[in-house]
Amino acid sequence: MATTVGDVMTTTVIAVKRNADFKQIAQVLRRYRVSACPVIDDAGRVVGVVSEADLLYKAADCQLPAGLIRLRWKLGEASKTTAVTARELMTSPAVTVHADVPVQIAARVMRDRRVKRLPVVGTGGELIGIVTRTDVLGIYDRLDAAILAEVRDIAASEFAISPDDVEASVSSGIVTLSGSVPLQEMAPELAARIRHVEGVVAVRDRLAVGKPIGRAMEEA
């Protein structure tokens, strides 16, 4: 069964209300050593995320640019330098995830949206946890023996491949497949399927097409 966000998330979450002021936010980030935290409304629903990057606009003491780009700057970055509450500073809407989502999907969202953590929300948008990149990478702690057992099960149940024909080994999450498959297209399909097994770092496909040499000699 696939590991979900709910399996790896942290349920004790540091969050701030929309009316939290700049200094309160900075103190929270420093005290709990986090680079960002969710912003919630009075009902506990996630309405945004405020990060160190949002606060740095003010710390950098940006100068107003001159010329035609002044108005555009004032409507964008300038708002960050004059903001004093979480409501004004936060990025909204927040990128969130549900607890029943597989960790692979959460990892993809983090990669595509370039975020380090995702607030986990319930059906009503209420904050129930937080999942980080480190949490997601926990799937690579899976033991090689457990990976090998699943690989063998996939080969037998989904591809009808006998252990006598294809041998699998796992070392530090790297799966090596050797032996022979009856059809040429079966080798890349099997390798692709195994790459999606939790904890697999890489797949080394050393499969040949046709009967293994040993079996061919026995039948000759």
N, C-alpha and C. Protein backbone atom coordinates (compact mmCIF):
# COMPACT_ATOMS: atom_id res chain seq x y z
N MET A 1 0.84 -1.20 0.00
CA MET A 1 0.00 0.00 0.00
C MET A 1 0.88 1.25 0.00
N ALA A 2 0.54 2.22 -0.85
CA ALA A 2 1.37 3.41 -1.00
C ALA A 2 1.36 4.27 0.26
N THR A 3 2.51 4.81 0.59
CA THR A 3 2.62 5.73 1.72
C THR A 3 1.94 7.05 1.35
N THR A 4 1.12 7.56 2.24
CA THR A 4 0.41 8.81 1.98
C THR A 4 1.01 9.95 2.79
N VAL A 5 0.59 11.15 2.46
CA VAL A 5 1.02 12.33 3.20
C VAL A 5 0.66 12.19 4.67
N GLY A 6 -0.52 11.62 4.95
CA GLY A 6 -0.94 11.44 6.33
C GLY A 6 -0.02 10.54 7.13
N ASP A 7 0.69 9.65 6.45
CA ASP A 7 1.61 8.73 7.14
C ASP A 7 2.89 9.43 7.60
N VAL A 8 3.28 10.49 6.92
CA VAL A 8 4.58 11.10 7.19
C VAL A 8 4.50 12.54 7.70
N MET A 9 3.33 13.15 7.66
CA MET A 9 3.21 14.57 8.01
C MET A 9 3.39 14.80 9.51
N THR A 10 3.71 16.03 9.86
CA THR A 10 3.79 16.47 11.26
C THR A 10 2.45 17.10 11.61
N THR A 11 1.87 16.67 12.72
CA THR A 11 0.55 17.17 13.09
C THR A 11 0.60 18.38 14.02
N THR A 12 1.76 18.61 14.63
CA THR A 12 1.93 19.82 15.44
C THR A 12 2.49 20.90 14.53
N VAL A 13 1.65 21.85 14.15
CA VAL A 13 2.02 22.83 13.13
C VAL A 13 2.10 24.23 13.73
N ILE A 14 3.15 24.94 13.36
CA ILE A 14 3.31 26.33 13.74
C ILE A 14 2.60 27.19 12.69
N ALA A 15 1.60 27.95 13.11
CA ALA A 15 0.85 28.80 12.19
C ALA A 15 0.61 30.15 12.83
N VAL A 16 0.27 31.13 12.01
CA VAL A 16 -0.06 32.47 12.51
C VAL A 16 -1.41 32.89 11.95
N LYS A 17 -2.07 33.79 12.66
CA LYS A 17 -3.34 34.35 12.20
C LYS A 17 -3.09 35.47 11.19
N ARG A 18 -4.13 35.85 10.48
CA ARG A 18 -3.99 36.88 9.45
C ARG A 18 -3.58 38.24 10.01
N ASN A 19 -3.95 38.49 11.26
CA ASN A 19 -3.63 39.79 11.84
C ASN A 19 -2.29 39.81 12.59
N ALA A 20 -1.53 38.71 12.54
CA ALA A 20 -0.20 38.69 13.18
C ALA A 20 0.67 39.77 12.53
N ASP A 21 1.38 40.53 13.36
CA ASP A 21 2.20 41.60 12.78
C ASP A 21 3.59 41.10 12.40
N PHE A 22 4.34 41.97 11.74
CA PHE A 22 5.65 41.61 11.18
C PHE A 22 6.57 41.03 12.24
N LYS A 23 6.68 41.71 13.40
CA LYS A 23 7.59 41.25 14.42
C LYS A 23 7.16 39.90 15.00
N GLN A 24 5.87 39.69 15.15
CA GLN A 24 5.38 38.41 15.66
C GLN A 24 5.75 37.27 14.70
N ILE A 25 5.59 37.52 13.42
CA ILE A 25 5.92 36.50 12.42
C ILE A 25 7.41 36.19 12.45
N ALA A 26 8.22 37.23 12.48
CA ALA A 26 9.67 37.03 12.52
C ALA A 26 10.08 36.25 13.76
N GLN A 27 9.47 36.54 14.89
CA GLN A 27 9.78 35.83 16.13
C GLN A 27 9.40 34.36 16.04
N VAL A 28 8.25 34.08 15.44
CA VAL A 28 7.80 32.69 15.29
C VAL A 28 8.76 31.91 14.40
N LEU A 29 9.16 32.49 13.29
CA LEU A 29 10.07 31.79 12.37
C LEU A 29 11.42 31.53 13.04
N ARG A 30 11.90 32.49 13.79
CA ARG A 30 13.19 32.31 14.47
C ARG A 30 13.10 31.33 15.62
N ARG A 31 12.04 31.44 16.41
CA ARG A 31 11.90 30.59 17.61
C ARG A 31 11.78 29.13 17.24
N TYR A 32 11.02 28.84 16.21
CA TYR A 32 10.77 27.44 15.85
C TYR A 32 11.66 26.96 14.71
N ARG A 33 12.56 27.84 14.26
CA ARG A 33 13.54 27.48 13.23
C ARG A 33 12.89 26.91 11.98
N VAL A 34 11.89 27.60 11.48
CA VAL A 34 11.23 27.24 10.24
C VAL A 34 11.36 28.41 9.28
N SER A 35 11.35 28.13 7.99
CA SER A 35 11.51 29.20 7.00
C SER A 35 10.18 29.73 6.50
N ALA A 36 9.09 29.08 6.87
CA ALA A 36 7.76 29.54 6.45
C ALA A 36 6.72 28.88 7.34
N CYS A 37 5.54 29.48 7.40
CA CYS A 37 4.45 28.87 8.16
C CYS A 37 3.11 29.25 7.55
N PRO A 38 2.09 28.41 7.74
CA PRO A 38 0.77 28.71 7.20
C PRO A 38 0.13 29.91 7.91
N VAL A 39 -0.72 30.59 7.20
CA VAL A 39 -1.54 31.65 7.77
C VAL A 39 -2.98 31.12 7.78
N ILE A 40 -3.65 31.21 8.92
CA ILE A 40 -4.99 30.66 9.06
C ILE A 40 -5.99 31.75 9.45
N ASP A 41 -7.26 31.49 9.13
CA ASP A 41 -8.31 32.41 9.55
C ASP A 41 -8.84 31.98 10.92
N ASP A 42 -9.88 32.62 11.38
CA ASP A 42 -10.39 32.34 12.72
C ASP A 42 -10.97 30.93 12.85
N ALA A 43 -11.33 30.31 11.72
CA ALA A 43 -11.88 28.96 11.74
C ALA A 43 -10.79 27.90 11.56
N GLY A 44 -9.52 28.33 11.47
CA GLY A 44 -8.43 27.39 11.32
C GLY A 44 -8.17 26.96 9.89
N ARG A 45 -8.82 27.63 8.93
CA ARG A 45 -8.61 27.30 7.52
C ARG A 45 -7.36 28.00 6.98
N VAL A 46 -6.63 27.30 6.13
CA VAL A 46 -5.40 27.87 5.56
C VAL A 46 -5.77 28.88 4.48
N VAL A 47 -5.27 30.11 4.64
CA VAL A 47 -5.56 31.16 3.66
C VAL A 47 -4.30 31.64 2.94
N GLY A 48 -3.14 31.20 3.39
CA GLY A 48 -1.91 31.60 2.75
C GLY A 48 -0.70 31.03 3.47
N VAL A 49 0.47 31.41 3.01
CA VAL A 49 1.74 31.02 3.64
C VAL A 49 2.63 32.25 3.68
N VAL A 50 3.27 32.47 4.81
CA VAL A 50 4.21 33.58 4.93
C VAL A 50 5.60 33.01 5.19
N SER A 51 6.58 33.53 4.50
CA SER A 51 7.92 32.96 4.55
C SER A 51 8.98 34.01 4.87
N GLU A 52 10.18 33.53 5.12
CA GLU A 52 11.32 34.42 5.33
C GLU A 52 11.51 35.34 4.13
N ALA A 53 11.30 34.80 2.95
CA ALA A 53 11.47 35.59 1.73
C ALA A 53 10.52 36.78 1.72
N ASP A 54 9.29 36.57 2.21
CA ASP A 54 8.32 37.68 2.27
C ASP A 54 8.82 38.78 3.21
N LEU A 55 9.41 38.38 4.34
CA LEU A 55 9.89 39.35 5.31
C LEU A 55 11.14 40.07 4.85
N LEU A 56 11.94 39.40 4.00
CA LEU A 56 13.21 39.98 3.57
C LEU A 56 13.05 41.23 2.71
N TYR A 57 11.86 41.38 2.10
CA TYR A 57 11.65 42.60 1.31
C TYR A 57 11.87 43.83 2.18
N LYS A 58 11.35 43.78 3.42
CA LYS A 58 11.49 44.92 4.32
C LYS A 58 12.92 45.00 4.86
N ALA A 59 13.49 43.85 5.20
CA ALA A 59 14.84 43.84 5.75
C ALA A 59 15.86 44.36 4.74
N ALA A 60 15.58 44.14 3.45
CA ALA A 60 16.51 44.59 2.41
C ALA A 60 16.45 46.10 2.19
N ASP A 61 15.39 46.75 2.70
CA ASP A 61 15.24 48.20 2.60
C ASP A 61 15.38 48.66 1.15
N CYS A 62 14.52 48.07 0.29
CA CYS A 62 14.60 48.36 -1.14
C CYS A 62 14.31 49.85 -1.42
N GLN A 63 15.01 50.39 -2.40
CA GLN A 63 14.82 51.77 -2.82
C GLN A 63 13.79 51.80 -3.96
N LEU A 64 12.97 52.82 -3.96
CA LEU A 64 12.00 52.96 -5.05
C LEU A 64 12.73 53.24 -6.36
N PRO A 65 12.43 52.46 -7.42
CA PRO A 65 13.08 52.71 -8.71
C PRO A 65 12.48 53.93 -9.39
N ALA A 66 13.22 54.49 -10.29
CA ALA A 66 12.76 55.66 -11.03
C ALA A 66 12.27 55.26 -12.41
N GLY A 67 11.58 56.19 -13.08
CA GLY A 67 11.18 55.93 -14.44
C GLY A 67 9.82 55.28 -14.56
N LEU A 68 9.58 54.67 -15.73
CA LEU A 68 8.27 54.13 -16.05
C LEU A 68 7.91 52.89 -15.24
N ILE A 69 8.90 52.18 -14.68
CA ILE A 69 8.59 50.94 -13.96
C ILE A 69 8.22 51.21 -12.51
N ARG A 70 8.22 52.49 -12.09
CA ARG A 70 7.93 52.82 -10.69
C ARG A 70 6.54 52.37 -10.27
N LEU A 71 5.52 52.64 -11.11
CA LEU A 71 4.15 52.29 -10.75
C LEU A 71 3.99 50.78 -10.64
N ARG A 72 4.54 50.05 -11.60
CA ARG A 72 4.45 48.59 -11.57
C ARG A 72 5.11 48.05 -10.30
N TRP A 73 6.25 48.60 -9.94
CA TRP A 73 6.96 48.15 -8.74
C TRP A 73 6.11 48.42 -7.50
N LYS A 74 5.49 49.60 -7.44
CA LYS A 74 4.69 49.96 -6.29
C LYS A 74 3.50 49.04 -6.12
N LEU A 75 2.96 48.54 -7.24
CA LEU A 75 1.81 47.64 -7.19
C LEU A 75 2.21 46.22 -6.83
N GLY A 76 3.51 45.91 -6.96
CA GLY A 76 3.98 44.55 -6.69
C GLY A 76 4.90 44.48 -5.50
N GLU A 77 6.21 44.54 -5.76
CA GLU A 77 7.19 44.39 -4.70
C GLU A 77 7.06 45.45 -3.60
N ALA A 78 6.65 46.65 -3.97
CA ALA A 78 6.56 47.71 -2.98
C ALA A 78 5.58 47.37 -1.88
N SER A 79 4.55 46.59 -2.23
CA SER A 79 3.55 46.22 -1.23
C SER A 79 4.17 45.38 -0.13
N LYS A 80 5.19 44.61 -0.47
CA LYS A 80 5.88 43.79 0.53
C LYS A 80 6.68 44.64 1.50
N THR A 81 7.28 45.71 1.00
CA THR A 81 8.11 46.53 1.86
C THR A 81 7.28 47.36 2.84
N THR A 82 6.03 47.63 2.49
CA THR A 82 5.18 48.43 3.37
C THR A 82 4.22 47.57 4.18
N ALA A 83 4.19 46.25 3.91
CA ALA A 83 3.27 45.36 4.61
C ALA A 83 3.66 45.22 6.08
N VAL A 84 2.64 45.08 6.94
CA VAL A 84 2.92 44.94 8.37
C VAL A 84 2.18 43.77 9.01
N THR A 85 1.31 43.09 8.29
CA THR A 85 0.57 41.96 8.84
C THR A 85 0.72 40.74 7.94
N ALA A 86 0.39 39.58 8.49
CA ALA A 86 0.46 38.34 7.72
C ALA A 86 -0.46 38.40 6.51
N ARG A 87 -1.63 39.03 6.66
CA ARG A 87 -2.56 39.16 5.55
C ARG A 87 -1.93 39.87 4.36
N GLU A 88 -1.10 40.88 4.64
CA GLU A 88 -0.47 41.66 3.58
C GLU A 88 0.79 41.00 3.04
N LEU A 89 1.48 40.25 3.91
CA LEU A 89 2.75 39.65 3.54
C LEU A 89 2.63 38.30 2.86
N MET A 90 1.59 37.56 3.18
CA MET A 90 1.49 36.15 2.77
C MET A 90 1.32 35.97 1.27
N THR A 91 1.71 34.78 0.83
CA THR A 91 1.42 34.33 -0.52
C THR A 91 0.10 33.59 -0.49
N SER A 92 -0.83 34.02 -1.33
CA SER A 92 -2.17 33.44 -1.30
C SER A 92 -2.71 33.32 -2.73
N PRO A 93 -3.45 32.26 -3.05
CA PRO A 93 -3.80 31.14 -2.15
C PRO A 93 -2.60 30.23 -1.89
N ALA A 94 -2.65 29.54 -0.78
CA ALA A 94 -1.57 28.63 -0.41
C ALA A 94 -1.63 27.35 -1.25
N VAL A 95 -0.47 26.79 -1.51
CA VAL A 95 -0.40 25.48 -2.16
C VAL A 95 -0.54 24.45 -1.04
N THR A 96 -1.62 23.68 -1.06
CA THR A 96 -1.91 22.72 0.00
C THR A 96 -2.05 21.31 -0.56
N VAL A 97 -2.19 20.35 0.35
CA VAL A 97 -2.34 18.96 -0.04
C VAL A 97 -3.23 18.27 0.98
N HIS A 98 -3.89 17.19 0.58
CA HIS A 98 -4.73 16.42 1.49
C HIS A 98 -3.96 15.23 2.04
N ALA A 99 -4.37 14.74 3.20
CA ALA A 99 -3.64 13.68 3.89
C ALA A 99 -3.63 12.36 3.14
N ASP A 100 -4.64 12.11 2.30
CA ASP A 100 -4.73 10.83 1.61
C ASP A 100 -3.97 10.80 0.28
N VAL A 101 -3.26 11.87 -0.04
CA VAL A 101 -2.49 11.93 -1.29
C VAL A 101 -1.18 11.16 -1.12
N PRO A 102 -0.79 10.33 -2.10
CA PRO A 102 0.50 9.62 -2.02
C PRO A 102 1.67 10.60 -1.93
N VAL A 103 2.71 10.21 -1.21
CA VAL A 103 3.85 11.11 -1.02
C VAL A 103 4.52 11.46 -2.35
N GLN A 104 4.44 10.57 -3.33
CA GLN A 104 5.05 10.87 -4.62
C GLN A 104 4.38 12.09 -5.26
N ILE A 105 3.05 12.20 -5.08
CA ILE A 105 2.33 13.35 -5.63
C ILE A 105 2.74 14.62 -4.90
N ALA A 106 2.87 14.53 -3.58
CA ALA A 106 3.30 15.69 -2.79
C ALA A 106 4.69 16.14 -3.23
N ALA A 107 5.58 15.18 -3.48
CA ALA A 107 6.94 15.51 -3.92
C ALA A 107 6.91 16.23 -5.26
N ARG A 108 6.02 15.77 -6.14
CA ARG A 108 5.90 16.39 -7.47
C ARG A 108 5.40 17.83 -7.35
N VAL A 109 4.44 18.05 -6.46
CA VAL A 109 3.91 19.40 -6.25
C VAL A 109 5.00 20.31 -5.71
N MET A 110 5.78 19.82 -4.72
CA MET A 110 6.87 20.62 -4.17
C MET A 110 7.89 20.99 -5.24
N ARG A 111 8.19 20.02 -6.09
CA ARG A 111 9.17 20.27 -7.16
C ARG A 111 8.63 21.28 -8.16
N ASP A 112 7.40 21.08 -8.62
CA ASP A 112 6.83 21.94 -9.65
C ASP A 112 6.54 23.35 -9.16
N ARG A 113 6.11 23.47 -7.89
CA ARG A 113 5.78 24.77 -7.34
C ARG A 113 6.94 25.41 -6.58
N ARG A 114 8.05 24.69 -6.49
CA ARG A 114 9.27 25.19 -5.86
C ARG A 114 9.02 25.63 -4.42
N VAL A 115 8.39 24.76 -3.67
CA VAL A 115 8.15 25.02 -2.25
C VAL A 115 8.80 23.93 -1.42
N LYS A 116 9.15 24.26 -0.17
CA LYS A 116 9.83 23.31 0.70
C LYS A 116 8.89 22.54 1.60
N ARG A 117 7.66 23.02 1.73
CA ARG A 117 6.68 22.36 2.61
C ARG A 117 5.29 22.63 2.10
N LEU A 118 4.36 21.76 2.48
CA LEU A 118 2.97 21.92 2.08
C LEU A 118 2.08 21.81 3.31
N PRO A 119 1.21 22.80 3.56
CA PRO A 119 0.21 22.62 4.60
C PRO A 119 -0.74 21.49 4.20
N VAL A 120 -1.09 20.66 5.16
CA VAL A 120 -2.02 19.56 4.91
C VAL A 120 -3.38 19.99 5.45
N VAL A 121 -4.40 19.90 4.61
CA VAL A 121 -5.71 20.40 5.01
C VAL A 121 -6.76 19.29 4.98
N GLY A 122 -7.81 19.50 5.78
CA GLY A 122 -8.94 18.58 5.79
C GLY A 122 -9.93 18.93 4.71
N THR A 123 -11.08 18.29 4.73
CA THR A 123 -12.09 18.50 3.68
C THR A 123 -12.62 19.92 3.65
N GLY A 124 -12.58 20.61 4.79
CA GLY A 124 -13.07 21.98 4.83
C GLY A 124 -11.98 23.02 4.70
N GLY A 125 -10.78 22.59 4.36
CA GLY A 125 -9.67 23.52 4.22
C GLY A 125 -8.96 23.84 5.51
N GLU A 126 -9.37 23.15 6.61
CA GLU A 126 -8.75 23.41 7.91
C GLU A 126 -7.36 22.77 7.99
N LEU A 127 -6.46 23.43 8.70
CA LEU A 127 -5.08 22.97 8.83
C LEU A 127 -5.02 21.76 9.76
N ILE A 128 -4.46 20.64 9.27
CA ILE A 128 -4.34 19.44 10.10
C ILE A 128 -2.90 18.93 10.20
N GLY A 129 -2.00 19.52 9.42
CA GLY A 129 -0.61 19.06 9.47
C GLY A 129 0.26 19.81 8.49
N ILE A 130 1.52 19.41 8.45
CA ILE A 130 2.48 19.99 7.51
C ILE A 130 3.39 18.87 7.02
N VAL A 131 3.70 18.88 5.74
CA VAL A 131 4.62 17.88 5.19
C VAL A 131 5.76 18.62 4.51
N THR A 132 6.99 18.17 4.78
CA THR A 132 8.18 18.83 4.25
C THR A 132 8.90 17.92 3.26
N ARG A 133 9.91 18.48 2.61
CA ARG A 133 10.72 17.67 1.70
C ARG A 133 11.38 16.51 2.45
N THR A 134 11.84 16.78 3.66
CA THR A 134 12.48 15.73 4.45
C THR A 134 11.49 14.60 4.75
N ASP A 135 10.25 14.95 5.07
CA ASP A 135 9.23 13.93 5.33
C ASP A 135 9.02 13.04 4.11
N VAL A 136 8.93 13.68 2.95
CA VAL A 136 8.70 12.93 1.71
C VAL A 136 9.87 12.00 1.41
N LEU A 137 11.09 12.47 1.66
CA LEU A 137 12.27 11.66 1.38
C LEU A 137 12.39 10.47 2.31
N GLY A 138 11.55 10.42 3.34
CA GLY A 138 11.57 9.30 4.27
C GLY A 138 11.26 7.96 3.63
N ILE A 139 10.61 7.97 2.46
CA ILE A 139 10.29 6.70 1.81
C ILE A 139 11.56 5.96 1.39
N TYR A 140 12.68 6.69 1.29
CA TYR A 140 13.94 6.04 0.90
C TYR A 140 14.63 5.36 2.07
N ASP A 141 13.99 5.41 3.24
CA ASP A 141 14.50 4.65 4.39
C ASP A 141 14.05 3.19 4.33
N ARG A 142 13.24 2.86 3.35
CA ARG A 142 12.69 1.50 3.25
C ARG A 142 13.81 0.47 3.07
N LEU A 143 13.69 -0.65 3.76
CA LEU A 143 14.72 -1.68 3.72
C LEU A 143 14.79 -2.34 2.34
N ASP A 144 16.01 -2.69 1.93
CA ASP A 144 16.20 -3.37 0.65
C ASP A 144 15.39 -4.66 0.57
N ALA A 145 15.29 -5.39 1.67
CA ALA A 145 14.56 -6.66 1.67
C ALA A 145 13.09 -6.45 1.35
N ALA A 146 12.51 -5.36 1.86
CA ALA A 146 11.10 -5.06 1.58
C ALA A 146 10.91 -4.67 0.13
N ILE A 147 11.85 -3.91 -0.41
CA ILE A 147 11.79 -3.53 -1.83
C ILE A 147 11.88 -4.77 -2.70
N LEU A 148 12.83 -5.65 -2.38
CA LEU A 148 13.03 -6.87 -3.16
C LEU A 148 11.78 -7.73 -3.17
N ALA A 149 11.13 -7.86 -2.02
CA ALA A 149 9.91 -8.68 -1.94
C ALA A 149 8.82 -8.11 -2.85
N GLU A 150 8.69 -6.78 -2.88
CA GLU A 150 7.67 -6.17 -3.74
C GLU A 150 8.03 -6.31 -5.21
N VAL A 151 9.31 -6.16 -5.53
CA VAL A 151 9.75 -6.31 -6.92
C VAL A 151 9.44 -7.72 -7.43
N ARG A 152 9.73 -8.72 -6.63
CA ARG A 152 9.46 -10.10 -7.04
C ARG A 152 7.97 -10.35 -7.20
N ASP A 153 7.17 -9.75 -6.31
CA ASP A 153 5.72 -9.91 -6.40
C ASP A 153 5.18 -9.26 -7.68
N ILE A 154 5.70 -8.09 -8.03
CA ILE A 154 5.28 -7.40 -9.25
C ILE A 154 5.63 -8.24 -10.48
N ALA A 155 6.86 -8.75 -10.51
CA ALA A 155 7.30 -9.56 -11.66
C ALA A 155 6.40 -10.78 -11.84
N ALA A 156 6.03 -11.42 -10.74
CA ALA A 156 5.22 -12.64 -10.83
C ALA A 156 3.75 -12.35 -11.09
N SER A 157 3.16 -11.40 -10.35
CA SER A 157 1.72 -11.18 -10.43
C SER A 157 1.29 -10.30 -11.60
N GLU A 158 2.10 -9.31 -11.96
CA GLU A 158 1.71 -8.38 -13.02
C GLU A 158 2.29 -8.73 -14.38
N PHE A 159 3.44 -9.46 -14.37
CA PHE A 159 4.09 -9.77 -15.65
C PHE A 159 4.23 -11.27 -15.90
N ALA A 160 3.77 -12.07 -14.94
CA ALA A 160 3.83 -13.53 -15.05
C ALA A 160 5.25 -14.01 -15.36
N ILE A 161 6.22 -13.41 -14.70
CA ILE A 161 7.62 -13.76 -14.90
C ILE A 161 8.08 -14.66 -13.77
N SER A 162 8.70 -15.76 -14.12
CA SER A 162 9.19 -16.71 -13.12
C SER A 162 10.52 -16.24 -12.55
N PRO A 163 10.75 -16.46 -11.25
CA PRO A 163 12.05 -16.14 -10.65
C PRO A 163 13.20 -16.89 -11.30
N ASP A 164 12.87 -18.01 -11.98
CA ASP A 164 13.91 -18.76 -12.68
C ASP A 164 14.39 -18.02 -13.92
N ASP A 165 13.54 -17.14 -14.46
CA ASP A 165 13.89 -16.41 -15.68
C ASP A 165 14.52 -15.05 -15.40
N VAL A 166 13.99 -14.36 -14.38
CA VAL A 166 14.49 -13.02 -14.05
C VAL A 166 14.91 -12.99 -12.60
N GLU A 167 16.16 -12.59 -12.38
CA GLU A 167 16.66 -12.47 -11.03
C GLU A 167 16.74 -10.99 -10.65
N ALA A 168 16.27 -10.65 -9.48
CA ALA A 168 16.31 -9.27 -8.99
C ALA A 168 17.16 -9.20 -7.73
N SER A 169 17.90 -8.12 -7.61
CA SER A 169 18.66 -7.86 -6.39
C SER A 169 18.53 -6.38 -6.07
N VAL A 170 18.66 -6.05 -4.80
CA VAL A 170 18.52 -4.65 -4.37
C VAL A 170 19.67 -4.31 -3.43
N SER A 171 20.33 -3.20 -3.70
CA SER A 171 21.42 -2.72 -2.84
C SER A 171 21.30 -1.20 -2.73
N SER A 172 21.09 -0.72 -1.51
CA SER A 172 20.93 0.72 -1.26
C SER A 172 19.85 1.34 -2.13
N GLY A 173 18.78 0.59 -2.32
CA GLY A 173 17.66 1.09 -3.10
C GLY A 173 17.80 0.94 -4.60
N ILE A 174 18.95 0.45 -5.07
CA ILE A 174 19.16 0.27 -6.50
C ILE A 174 18.80 -1.16 -6.87
N VAL A 175 17.84 -1.30 -7.77
CA VAL A 175 17.36 -2.62 -8.21
C VAL A 175 18.09 -3.03 -9.49
N THR A 176 18.64 -4.22 -9.48
CA THR A 176 19.29 -4.77 -10.66
C THR A 176 18.50 -5.97 -11.15
N LEU A 177 18.10 -5.92 -12.42
CA LEU A 177 17.34 -7.01 -13.04
C LEU A 177 18.23 -7.71 -14.05
N SER A 178 18.33 -9.03 -13.93
CA SER A 178 19.12 -9.81 -14.88
C SER A 178 18.34 -11.06 -15.25
N GLY A 179 18.72 -11.67 -16.36
CA GLY A 179 18.00 -12.84 -16.84
C GLY A 179 17.39 -12.56 -18.18
N SER A 180 16.20 -13.15 -18.43
CA SER A 180 15.61 -13.05 -19.75
C SER A 180 14.09 -12.95 -19.68
N VAL A 181 13.54 -12.16 -20.59
CA VAL A 181 12.09 -12.04 -20.72
C VAL A 181 11.70 -12.51 -22.12
N PRO A 182 10.46 -13.03 -22.29
CA PRO A 182 10.07 -13.57 -23.59
C PRO A 182 9.83 -12.53 -24.67
N LEU A 183 9.42 -11.33 -24.30
CA LEU A 183 9.10 -10.30 -25.28
C LEU A 183 9.97 -9.07 -25.07
N GLN A 184 10.39 -8.44 -26.16
CA GLN A 184 11.30 -7.31 -26.08
C GLN A 184 10.69 -6.14 -25.31
N GLU A 185 9.40 -5.88 -25.52
CA GLU A 185 8.77 -4.73 -24.86
C GLU A 185 8.56 -4.95 -23.36
N MET A 186 8.69 -6.19 -22.91
CA MET A 186 8.45 -6.49 -21.50
C MET A 186 9.55 -5.92 -20.60
N ALA A 187 10.79 -5.89 -21.08
CA ALA A 187 11.91 -5.41 -20.26
C ALA A 187 11.73 -3.95 -19.85
N PRO A 188 11.50 -3.01 -20.80
CA PRO A 188 11.34 -1.62 -20.38
C PRO A 188 10.07 -1.40 -19.55
N GLU A 189 9.02 -2.18 -19.83
CA GLU A 189 7.78 -2.05 -19.07
C GLU A 189 7.98 -2.47 -17.61
N LEU A 190 8.70 -3.57 -17.42
CA LEU A 190 8.98 -4.05 -16.06
C LEU A 190 9.86 -3.05 -15.32
N ALA A 191 10.88 -2.55 -15.98
CA ALA A 191 11.78 -1.58 -15.35
C ALA A 191 11.04 -0.31 -14.97
N ALA A 192 10.16 0.16 -15.87
CA ALA A 192 9.40 1.38 -15.59
C ALA A 192 8.47 1.18 -14.41
N ARG A 193 7.85 0.01 -14.33
CA ARG A 193 6.94 -0.27 -13.21
C ARG A 193 7.70 -0.30 -11.89
N ILE A 194 8.87 -0.88 -11.88
CA ILE A 194 9.66 -1.02 -10.65
C ILE A 194 10.20 0.33 -10.20
N ARG A 195 10.44 1.24 -11.12
CA ARG A 195 10.92 2.57 -10.74
C ARG A 195 9.92 3.30 -9.84
N HIS A 196 8.65 2.90 -9.90
CA HIS A 196 7.62 3.55 -9.11
C HIS A 196 7.40 2.86 -7.75
N VAL A 197 8.18 1.83 -7.47
CA VAL A 197 8.10 1.17 -6.17
C VAL A 197 8.71 2.08 -5.12
N GLU A 198 8.06 2.21 -3.99
CA GLU A 198 8.56 3.09 -2.93
C GLU A 198 9.95 2.65 -2.46
N GLY A 199 10.85 3.62 -2.37
CA GLY A 199 12.19 3.35 -1.89
C GLY A 199 13.18 3.04 -2.99
N VAL A 200 12.71 2.85 -4.21
CA VAL A 200 13.62 2.53 -5.32
C VAL A 200 14.33 3.80 -5.77
N VAL A 201 15.66 3.75 -5.77
CA VAL A 201 16.48 4.88 -6.18
C VAL A 201 16.73 4.84 -7.69
N ALA A 202 17.00 3.65 -8.21
CA ALA A 202 17.27 3.48 -9.63
C ALA A 202 17.06 2.01 -9.99
N VAL A 203 16.90 1.77 -11.30
CA VAL A 203 16.74 0.41 -11.81
C VAL A 203 17.80 0.17 -12.88
N ARG A 204 18.57 -0.90 -12.71
CA ARG A 204 19.56 -1.29 -13.71
C ARG A 204 19.00 -2.46 -14.50
N ASP A 205 18.68 -2.18 -15.74
CA ASP A 205 18.05 -3.19 -16.61
C ASP A 205 19.12 -3.95 -17.38
N ARG A 206 19.36 -5.20 -16.96
CA ARG A 206 20.32 -6.06 -17.66
C ARG A 206 19.62 -7.28 -18.24
N LEU A 207 18.38 -7.08 -18.63
CA LEU A 207 17.56 -8.17 -19.15
C LEU A 207 17.83 -8.42 -20.63
N ALA A 208 17.80 -9.68 -21.00
CA ALA A 208 17.92 -10.08 -22.39
C ALA A 208 16.55 -10.56 -22.86
N VAL A 209 16.40 -10.76 -24.15
CA VAL A 209 15.15 -11.25 -24.71
C VAL A 209 15.36 -12.68 -25.19
N GLY A 210 14.44 -13.56 -24.82
CA GLY A 210 14.54 -14.97 -25.18
C GLY A 210 14.79 -15.82 -23.96
N LYS A 211 15.06 -17.07 -24.16
CA LYS A 211 15.28 -18.00 -23.06
C LYS A 211 16.69 -17.83 -22.46
N PRO A 212 16.80 -17.92 -21.16
CA PRO A 212 18.13 -17.85 -20.54
C PRO A 212 19.03 -18.95 -21.10
N ILE A 213 20.33 -18.66 -21.14
CA ILE A 213 21.28 -19.61 -21.72
C ILE A 213 21.20 -20.96 -21.03
N GLY A 214 21.10 -20.94 -19.70
CA GLY A 214 21.04 -22.19 -18.97
C GLY A 214 19.85 -23.05 -19.34
N ARG A 215 18.67 -22.42 -19.45
CA ARG A 215 17.47 -23.17 -19.79
C ARG A 215 17.54 -23.67 -21.23
N ALA A 216 18.09 -22.85 -22.14
CA ALA A 216 18.21 -23.27 -23.51
C ALA A 216 19.08 -24.51 -23.64
N MET A 217 20.15 -24.59 -22.85
CA MET A 217 21.05 -25.75 -22.90
C MET A 217 20.32 -26.98 -22.34
N GLU A 218 19.48 -26.80 -21.30
CA GLU A 218 18.76 -27.91 -20.72
C GLU A 218 17.76 -28.51 -21.68
N GLU A 219 17.14 -27.64 -22.51
CA GLU A 219 16.11 -28.11 -23.43
C GLU A 219 16.70 -28.64 -24.73
N ALA A 220 17.99 -28.36 -24.95
CA ALA A 220 18.61 -28.81 -26.21
C ALA A 220 18.78 -30.32 -26.22
